[in-house]
N, C-alpha and C. Protein backbone atom coordinates (compact mmCIF):
# COMPACT_ATOMS: atom_id res chain seq x y z
N UNK A 1 -24.57 -13.20 5.23
CA UNK A 1 -23.51 -12.33 6.16
C UNK A 1 -24.28 -11.52 7.57
N UNK A 2 -24.07 -11.46 8.69
CA UNK A 2 -24.40 -10.80 9.78
C UNK A 2 -23.91 -10.03 10.15
N UNK A 3 -24.57 -9.16 11.04
CA UNK A 3 -23.94 -7.87 11.46
C UNK A 3 -22.68 -8.39 12.57
N UNK A 4 -21.71 -7.51 12.15
CA UNK A 4 -20.67 -7.29 13.03
C UNK A 4 -19.72 -6.18 13.33
N UNK A 5 -19.31 -6.55 14.53
CA UNK A 5 -18.65 -4.98 14.98
C UNK A 5 -17.33 -5.27 14.83
N UNK A 6 -16.29 -4.32 14.18
CA UNK A 6 -15.24 -4.32 13.63
C UNK A 6 -14.28 -3.63 14.51
N UNK A 7 -13.48 -4.01 15.07
CA UNK A 7 -12.43 -3.36 16.03
C UNK A 7 -10.81 -3.14 15.70
N UNK A 8 -10.23 -2.47 15.83
CA UNK A 8 -8.63 -2.31 15.87
C UNK A 8 -8.23 -3.61 16.57
N UNK A 9 -8.89 -4.15 17.64
CA UNK A 9 -8.06 -5.41 18.30
C UNK A 9 -8.07 -6.71 17.59
N UNK A 10 -9.04 -6.38 16.50
CA UNK A 10 -8.82 -7.54 16.16
C UNK A 10 -7.86 -8.48 15.30
N UNK A 11 -7.22 -7.99 14.73
CA UNK A 11 -6.04 -8.17 13.84
C UNK A 11 -5.22 -9.05 14.79
N UNK A 12 -4.39 -10.25 13.93
CA UNK A 12 -3.39 -10.92 15.00
C UNK A 12 -2.31 -10.67 14.30
N UNK A 13 -2.48 -9.98 13.12
CA UNK A 13 -1.49 -9.97 12.22
C UNK A 13 -1.74 -8.47 11.48
N UNK A 14 -0.73 -7.52 11.77
CA UNK A 14 -0.41 -5.99 10.65
C UNK A 14 0.06 -6.22 9.66
N UNK A 15 0.63 -4.88 8.65
CA UNK A 15 1.42 -5.41 7.80
C UNK A 15 2.18 -4.06 7.20
N UNK A 16 3.16 -4.07 7.38
CA UNK A 16 4.17 -2.64 7.28
C UNK A 16 4.86 -2.70 6.11
N UNK A 17 4.97 -1.33 5.25
CA UNK A 17 5.90 -1.38 4.47
C UNK A 17 7.39 -1.17 4.85
N UNK A 18 8.35 -2.41 4.48
CA UNK A 18 9.27 -2.03 4.92
C UNK A 18 9.65 -1.99 6.42
N UNK A 19 10.28 -1.13 6.88
CA UNK A 19 10.56 -0.59 8.40
C UNK A 19 9.94 0.86 8.66
N UNK A 20 9.33 1.44 7.88
CA UNK A 20 8.64 2.60 8.02
C UNK A 20 7.16 2.32 8.67
N UNK A 21 7.08 3.30 9.86
CA UNK A 21 6.32 3.29 11.13
C UNK A 21 4.77 3.48 10.37
N UNK A 22 4.44 2.49 9.66
CA UNK A 22 3.29 2.37 9.11
C UNK A 22 2.48 0.90 9.28
N UNK A 23 1.29 0.91 9.54
CA UNK A 23 0.94 -0.32 10.20
C UNK A 23 -0.66 -0.63 9.67
N UNK A 24 -0.93 -1.52 8.81
CA UNK A 24 -2.17 -1.53 8.39
C UNK A 24 -2.78 -2.91 8.47
N UNK A 25 -3.97 -3.42 9.06
CA UNK A 25 -4.61 -4.39 8.56
C UNK A 25 -6.27 -4.57 8.70
N UNK A 26 -6.48 -5.22 7.81
CA UNK A 26 -8.15 -5.84 7.40
C UNK A 26 -8.53 -6.29 8.34
N UNK A 27 -10.16 -5.98 8.68
CA UNK A 27 -10.76 -6.64 9.49
C UNK A 27 -11.88 -7.12 8.44
N UNK A 28 -12.32 -6.85 7.49
CA UNK A 28 -13.34 -7.30 6.38
C UNK A 28 -12.41 -6.86 5.11
N UNK A 29 -11.93 -8.90 4.51
CA UNK A 29 -11.13 -8.74 3.61
C UNK A 29 -11.91 -9.53 2.38
N UNK A 30 -10.85 -9.80 1.40
CA UNK A 30 -11.29 -10.65 0.31
C UNK A 30 -11.95 -11.83 0.51
N UNK A 31 -11.65 -12.44 1.66
CA UNK A 31 -11.99 -13.85 2.23
C UNK A 31 -13.42 -13.78 2.47
N UNK A 32 -14.08 -12.89 2.62
CA UNK A 32 -15.25 -12.53 3.39
C UNK A 32 -16.19 -12.45 2.25
N UNK A 33 -17.48 -12.45 2.41
CA UNK A 33 -18.95 -12.43 1.35
C UNK A 33 -19.35 -11.07 1.31
N UNK A 34 -18.69 -9.97 1.87
CA UNK A 34 -18.63 -8.77 1.31
C UNK A 34 -18.10 -8.29 0.38
N UNK A 35 -18.78 -7.67 -0.60
CA UNK A 35 -18.13 -7.21 -1.91
C UNK A 35 -17.14 -5.76 -1.44
N UNK A 36 -17.17 -5.48 0.12
CA UNK A 36 -16.18 -4.44 0.32
C UNK A 36 -14.95 -4.69 1.19
N UNK A 37 -14.00 -3.94 1.66
CA UNK A 37 -13.00 -4.49 2.60
C UNK A 37 -12.98 -3.17 3.32
N UNK A 38 -12.63 -3.47 4.60
CA UNK A 38 -12.47 -2.28 5.72
C UNK A 38 -11.22 -2.85 6.42
N UNK A 39 -10.53 -1.99 6.79
CA UNK A 39 -9.14 -1.86 7.71
C UNK A 39 -8.91 -0.97 8.65
N UNK A 40 -8.05 -1.13 9.56
CA UNK A 40 -7.56 0.33 10.11
C UNK A 40 -5.99 0.40 9.75
N UNK A 41 -5.82 1.71 10.27
CA UNK A 41 -4.21 2.16 9.50
C UNK A 41 -3.62 3.05 10.51
N UNK A 42 -2.45 2.40 11.02
CA UNK A 42 -1.98 3.28 11.99
C UNK A 42 -0.81 4.06 11.49
N UNK A 43 -0.43 4.95 11.49
CA UNK A 43 0.96 5.98 10.67
C UNK A 43 1.42 6.75 12.04
N UNK A 44 2.81 7.14 12.01
CA UNK A 44 3.55 7.58 12.81
C UNK A 44 3.62 8.87 12.31
N UNK A 45 3.91 10.21 13.07
CA UNK A 45 4.02 11.49 12.80
C UNK A 45 4.90 11.48 11.53
N UNK A 46 4.35 12.30 10.51
CA UNK A 46 5.77 11.95 9.62
C UNK A 46 5.68 11.24 8.23
N UNK A 47 5.10 10.06 8.75
CA UNK A 47 5.09 8.76 7.76
C UNK A 47 4.45 9.01 6.98
N UNK A 48 4.83 8.49 5.29
CA UNK A 48 4.02 8.53 4.06
C UNK A 48 4.28 7.24 3.37
N UNK A 49 3.40 6.81 2.40
CA UNK A 49 3.69 5.82 1.36
C UNK A 49 2.69 6.43 0.08
N UNK A 50 3.37 6.02 -1.10
CA UNK A 50 2.87 6.41 -2.14
C UNK A 50 2.31 5.07 -2.57
N UNK A 51 0.94 5.18 -3.40
CA UNK A 51 -0.06 4.10 -4.12
C UNK A 51 -0.63 4.63 -4.96
N UNK A 52 -1.57 3.86 -5.51
CA UNK A 52 -2.36 4.38 -6.84
C UNK A 52 -3.54 3.04 -6.53
N UNK A 53 -4.78 3.90 -5.98
CA UNK A 53 -5.49 3.46 -6.06
C UNK A 53 -6.26 2.35 -7.37
N UNK A 54 -6.83 1.05 -7.12
CA UNK A 54 -7.38 0.33 -8.07
C UNK A 54 -8.79 -0.27 -7.41
N UNK A 55 -9.26 0.81 -6.92
CA UNK A 55 -10.70 0.74 -5.95
C UNK A 55 -11.12 1.93 -5.48
N UNK A 56 -12.13 2.37 -5.24
CA UNK A 56 -12.58 3.64 -4.43
C UNK A 56 -12.47 3.23 -2.97
N UNK A 57 -12.35 4.47 -2.34
CA UNK A 57 -11.55 4.28 -0.70
C UNK A 57 -11.98 5.25 -0.11
N UNK A 58 -12.51 5.26 1.16
CA UNK A 58 -12.87 6.36 2.03
C UNK A 58 -11.99 6.31 3.31
N UNK A 59 -11.58 7.19 3.65
CA UNK A 59 -10.45 7.14 4.89
C UNK A 59 -11.12 8.04 5.77
N UNK A 60 -11.78 7.03 7.11
CA UNK A 60 -12.29 8.08 8.21
C UNK A 60 -10.97 8.06 9.36
N UNK A 61 -10.59 9.51 9.55
CA UNK A 61 -9.71 9.82 10.53
C UNK A 61 -10.25 9.59 11.81
N UNK A 62 -9.57 8.53 12.84
CA UNK A 62 -10.31 8.35 14.09
C UNK A 62 -9.50 9.44 14.94
N UNK A 63 -7.88 9.64 14.52
CA UNK A 63 -7.22 9.99 15.60
C UNK A 63 -6.20 10.94 14.69
N UNK A 64 -5.79 11.91 15.49
CA UNK A 64 -4.43 13.04 14.15
C UNK A 64 -5.01 13.54 13.52
N UNK A 65 -4.06 14.12 12.48
CA UNK A 65 -4.50 14.79 11.26
C UNK A 65 -3.65 14.10 10.29
N UNK A 66 -4.57 13.85 9.19
CA UNK A 66 -4.08 12.76 8.24
C UNK A 66 -4.01 13.49 6.54
N UNK A 67 -3.00 13.36 5.65
CA UNK A 67 -3.50 13.76 4.37
C UNK A 67 -2.94 12.86 3.54
N UNK A 68 -3.95 13.06 2.46
CA UNK A 68 -3.79 12.29 1.06
C UNK A 68 -3.25 13.75 -0.08
N UNK A 69 -1.98 13.36 -0.99
CA UNK A 69 -1.59 14.25 -1.54
C UNK A 69 -1.57 14.09 -2.85
N UNK A 70 -2.30 14.47 -3.72
CA UNK A 70 -2.43 14.39 -5.24
C UNK A 70 -2.28 15.40 -6.18
N UNK A 71 -1.01 15.10 -7.12
CA UNK A 71 -0.71 15.85 -7.99
C UNK A 71 -0.13 16.99 -6.99
N UNK A 72 0.23 16.94 -6.13
CA UNK A 72 1.20 18.14 -5.31
C UNK A 72 -0.10 18.72 -4.56
N UNK A 73 -1.30 18.52 -4.13
CA UNK A 73 -2.14 19.19 -3.60
C UNK A 73 -2.40 18.19 -2.37
N UNK A 74 -2.50 18.69 -1.28
CA UNK A 74 -2.87 18.13 -0.04
C UNK A 74 -4.12 18.16 0.53
N UNK A 75 -4.94 17.22 1.02
CA UNK A 75 -6.41 17.21 1.25
C UNK A 75 -6.07 16.91 3.02
N UNK A 76 -6.31 17.34 3.95
CA UNK A 76 -6.25 17.15 5.26
C UNK A 76 -7.34 16.81 6.26
N UNK A 77 -7.76 15.84 6.73
CA UNK A 77 -8.76 15.28 7.40
C UNK A 77 -8.26 15.53 8.89
N UNK A 78 -8.91 15.76 10.00
CA UNK A 78 -8.65 15.29 11.23
C UNK A 78 -9.89 14.31 11.99
N UNK A 79 -9.73 14.03 13.62
CA UNK A 79 -10.29 12.83 13.64
C UNK A 79 -11.82 13.60 13.54
N UNK A 80 -12.33 12.46 13.25
CA UNK A 80 -14.18 12.80 13.20
C UNK A 80 -14.41 12.99 11.46
N UNK A 81 -13.52 13.63 10.61
CA UNK A 81 -13.32 13.59 9.42
C UNK A 81 -13.19 12.61 8.29
N UNK A 82 -13.64 12.81 7.41
CA UNK A 82 -13.30 11.72 6.23
C UNK A 82 -12.77 12.19 4.64
N UNK A 83 -11.80 11.44 3.86
CA UNK A 83 -12.04 11.67 2.70
C UNK A 83 -12.27 10.61 1.55
N UNK A 84 -12.59 11.13 0.82
CA UNK A 84 -13.07 10.25 -0.06
C UNK A 84 -12.23 10.24 -1.15
N UNK A 85 -11.79 9.09 -1.82
CA UNK A 85 -10.83 8.95 -3.06
C UNK A 85 -11.25 8.02 -4.41
N UNK A 86 -11.44 8.45 -5.53
CA UNK A 86 -12.38 7.18 -6.34
C UNK A 86 -11.10 6.84 -6.94
N UNK A 87 -11.34 5.94 -7.27
CA UNK A 87 -10.41 4.61 -8.35
C UNK A 87 -9.78 5.23 -9.60
N UNK A 88 -8.43 4.86 -9.16
CA UNK A 88 -7.27 5.49 -10.06
C UNK A 88 -6.30 6.41 -9.86
N UNK A 89 -6.52 6.66 -8.16
CA UNK A 89 -5.95 7.97 -8.21
C UNK A 89 -4.92 7.41 -7.37
N UNK A 90 -3.89 8.33 -8.55
CA UNK A 90 -2.43 8.12 -7.85
C UNK A 90 -1.87 9.09 -6.75
N UNK A 91 -1.51 8.92 -5.34
CA UNK A 91 -1.64 9.60 -4.53
C UNK A 91 -0.22 9.25 -3.47
N UNK A 92 0.09 9.93 -2.39
CA UNK A 92 0.76 9.53 -1.38
C UNK A 92 -0.16 9.87 -0.51
N UNK A 93 -0.05 9.00 0.93
CA UNK A 93 -0.65 9.04 2.12
C UNK A 93 0.20 9.58 3.14
N UNK A 94 -0.22 10.46 3.89
CA UNK A 94 0.74 11.11 4.78
C UNK A 94 0.21 11.55 6.31
N UNK A 95 0.97 10.74 7.06
CA UNK A 95 0.50 11.59 8.70
C UNK A 95 0.86 12.87 8.97
N UNK A 96 0.35 13.95 9.19
CA UNK A 96 0.70 15.51 9.57
C UNK A 96 1.31 14.98 11.34
N UNK A 97 0.38 14.15 11.47
CA UNK A 97 0.83 13.85 13.02
C UNK A 97 0.54 12.62 13.47
N UNK A 98 0.88 12.00 14.99
CA UNK A 98 0.67 10.54 14.97
C UNK A 98 -1.01 10.50 14.64
N UNK A 99 -1.29 9.23 13.47
CA UNK A 99 -2.61 9.14 13.18
C UNK A 99 -3.09 7.82 12.97
N UNK A 100 -4.66 7.72 13.52
CA UNK A 100 -5.08 6.30 13.00
C UNK A 100 -6.28 6.68 12.07
N UNK A 101 -6.49 5.56 11.10
CA UNK A 101 -7.74 5.84 10.20
C UNK A 101 -8.29 4.54 10.07
N UNK A 102 -9.31 4.61 9.80
CA UNK A 102 -10.21 3.36 9.50
C UNK A 102 -10.23 3.66 7.61
N UNK A 103 -10.23 2.54 6.95
CA UNK A 103 -9.97 2.58 5.42
C UNK A 103 -11.38 1.86 4.99
N UNK A 104 -12.43 2.05 4.25
CA UNK A 104 -13.18 1.43 3.73
C UNK A 104 -12.91 1.74 2.06
N UNK A 105 -13.15 0.16 1.49
CA UNK A 105 -12.89 0.33 0.19
C UNK A 105 -13.96 -0.56 -0.66
N UNK A 106 -13.71 -0.06 -1.87
CA UNK A 106 -15.08 -0.88 -2.80
C UNK A 106 -14.52 -0.99 -3.91
N UNK A 107 -14.10 -2.44 -4.55
CA UNK A 107 -14.41 -3.80 -4.14
C UNK A 107 -12.99 -3.85 -3.30
N UNK A 108 -12.90 -4.80 -2.86
CA UNK A 108 -11.65 -5.42 -2.07
C UNK A 108 -10.25 -4.99 -2.36
N UNK A 109 -9.73 -4.10 -1.75
CA UNK A 109 -8.61 -3.12 -2.12
C UNK A 109 -7.42 -4.33 -2.39
N UNK A 110 -7.43 -5.67 -1.98
CA UNK A 110 -6.55 -6.31 -2.02
C UNK A 110 -6.26 -7.09 -3.33
N UNK A 111 -7.30 -7.57 -3.59
CA UNK A 111 -7.98 -8.36 -4.73
C UNK A 111 -7.78 -7.23 -5.97
N UNK A 112 -8.36 -6.01 -5.62
CA UNK A 112 -8.33 -5.01 -7.10
C UNK A 112 -6.85 -4.84 -7.16
N UNK A 113 -5.92 -4.85 -6.38
CA UNK A 113 -4.49 -4.31 -6.63
C UNK A 113 -3.91 -5.69 -7.16
N UNK A 114 -3.97 -6.70 -6.62
CA UNK A 114 -3.77 -7.89 -6.96
C UNK A 114 -3.87 -8.17 -8.62
N UNK A 115 -4.94 -7.77 -8.97
CA UNK A 115 -5.18 -8.12 -10.21
C UNK A 115 -4.48 -6.99 -11.50
N UNK A 116 -3.86 -5.83 -10.71
CA UNK A 116 -3.69 -4.74 -11.45
C UNK A 116 -2.21 -4.96 -11.81
N UNK A 117 -1.97 -3.69 -12.45
CA UNK A 117 -0.57 -3.76 -13.14
C UNK A 117 0.66 -3.00 -11.56
N UNK A 118 -0.35 -2.82 -10.76
CA UNK A 118 0.06 -2.26 -9.46
C UNK A 118 0.31 -2.98 -8.62
N UNK A 119 0.40 -4.25 -8.53
CA UNK A 119 0.31 -5.83 -7.84
C UNK A 119 2.00 -5.64 -7.31
N UNK A 120 2.99 -5.45 -7.86
CA UNK A 120 4.06 -5.51 -7.06
C UNK A 120 4.27 -4.59 -6.26
N UNK A 121 3.87 -3.39 -5.82
CA UNK A 121 3.69 -2.78 -4.74
C UNK A 121 3.13 -3.12 -3.52
N UNK A 122 2.87 -4.32 -3.60
CA UNK A 122 2.58 -5.28 -2.39
C UNK A 122 3.64 -6.28 -1.98
N UNK A 123 4.26 -6.25 -2.48
CA UNK A 123 5.73 -7.04 -2.22
C UNK A 123 6.30 -6.33 -1.20
N UNK A 124 6.49 -4.87 -1.04
CA UNK A 124 7.22 -4.21 -0.05
C UNK A 124 6.53 -4.05 1.26
N UNK A 125 5.33 -4.85 1.85
CA UNK A 125 4.83 -5.14 3.04
C UNK A 125 5.19 -6.45 3.53
N UNK A 126 5.45 -6.66 4.81
CA UNK A 126 5.49 -7.49 5.35
C UNK A 126 4.60 -7.86 6.98
N UNK A 127 4.39 -8.99 7.19
CA UNK A 127 3.35 -9.13 8.59
C UNK A 127 4.15 -8.90 9.49
N UNK A 128 3.53 -8.11 10.70
CA UNK A 128 4.11 -7.52 12.01
C UNK A 128 2.96 -8.09 12.98
N UNK A 129 3.26 -9.20 13.99
CA UNK A 129 2.34 -9.48 14.81
C UNK A 129 1.90 -8.12 15.86
N UNK A 130 0.54 -8.50 16.03
CA UNK A 130 -0.06 -7.38 16.74
C UNK A 130 0.05 -6.76 18.14
N UNK A 131 1.15 -7.04 18.61
CA UNK A 131 1.56 -6.87 19.84
C UNK A 131 2.88 -5.48 19.44
N UNK A 132 3.44 -5.67 18.49
CA UNK A 132 4.86 -4.79 17.89
C UNK A 132 3.59 -3.11 17.68
N UNK A 133 2.59 -3.53 16.64
CA UNK A 133 1.61 -2.70 16.33
C UNK A 133 1.09 -1.86 17.74
N UNK A 134 0.88 -2.53 18.86
CA UNK A 134 0.02 -2.06 20.28
C UNK A 134 1.19 -0.90 20.76
N UNK A 135 2.56 -1.26 20.53
CA UNK A 135 3.57 -0.48 21.45
C UNK A 135 4.15 0.73 20.76
N UNK A 136 3.61 0.75 19.23
CA UNK A 136 4.23 1.77 18.38
C UNK A 136 3.46 2.72 18.70
N UNK A 137 4.31 4.20 18.30
CA UNK A 137 3.30 5.51 18.96
C UNK A 137 2.26 5.63 17.74
């Protein structure tokens, strides 16, 4: 594997849970030789989704104000801050304002989720062309 620049312009396809204004795209996924995954997320203000981590994750907020709610307690990060989440955490991701986030997981989040009892959570996500995401708030 060589050094790579990863940008939010790389994905040709993003994934959206139902019709909620949330968009996710991996740029380093389980098809790479890396043991981790990296991707970009874009959330409209107030958008949220529940999830259970089957991997460890770091969220780096690059725009806006983004929270993770665990057991009723919110941890909020602003642009330039990061949140660490241990494997096994049941949470809600929530954008306090329009937000953009870089996520880094170990091991690959998709592979770990597909192999877990939480695999059916992936059924809600559908592919969305990059042009749609570029126009999203």
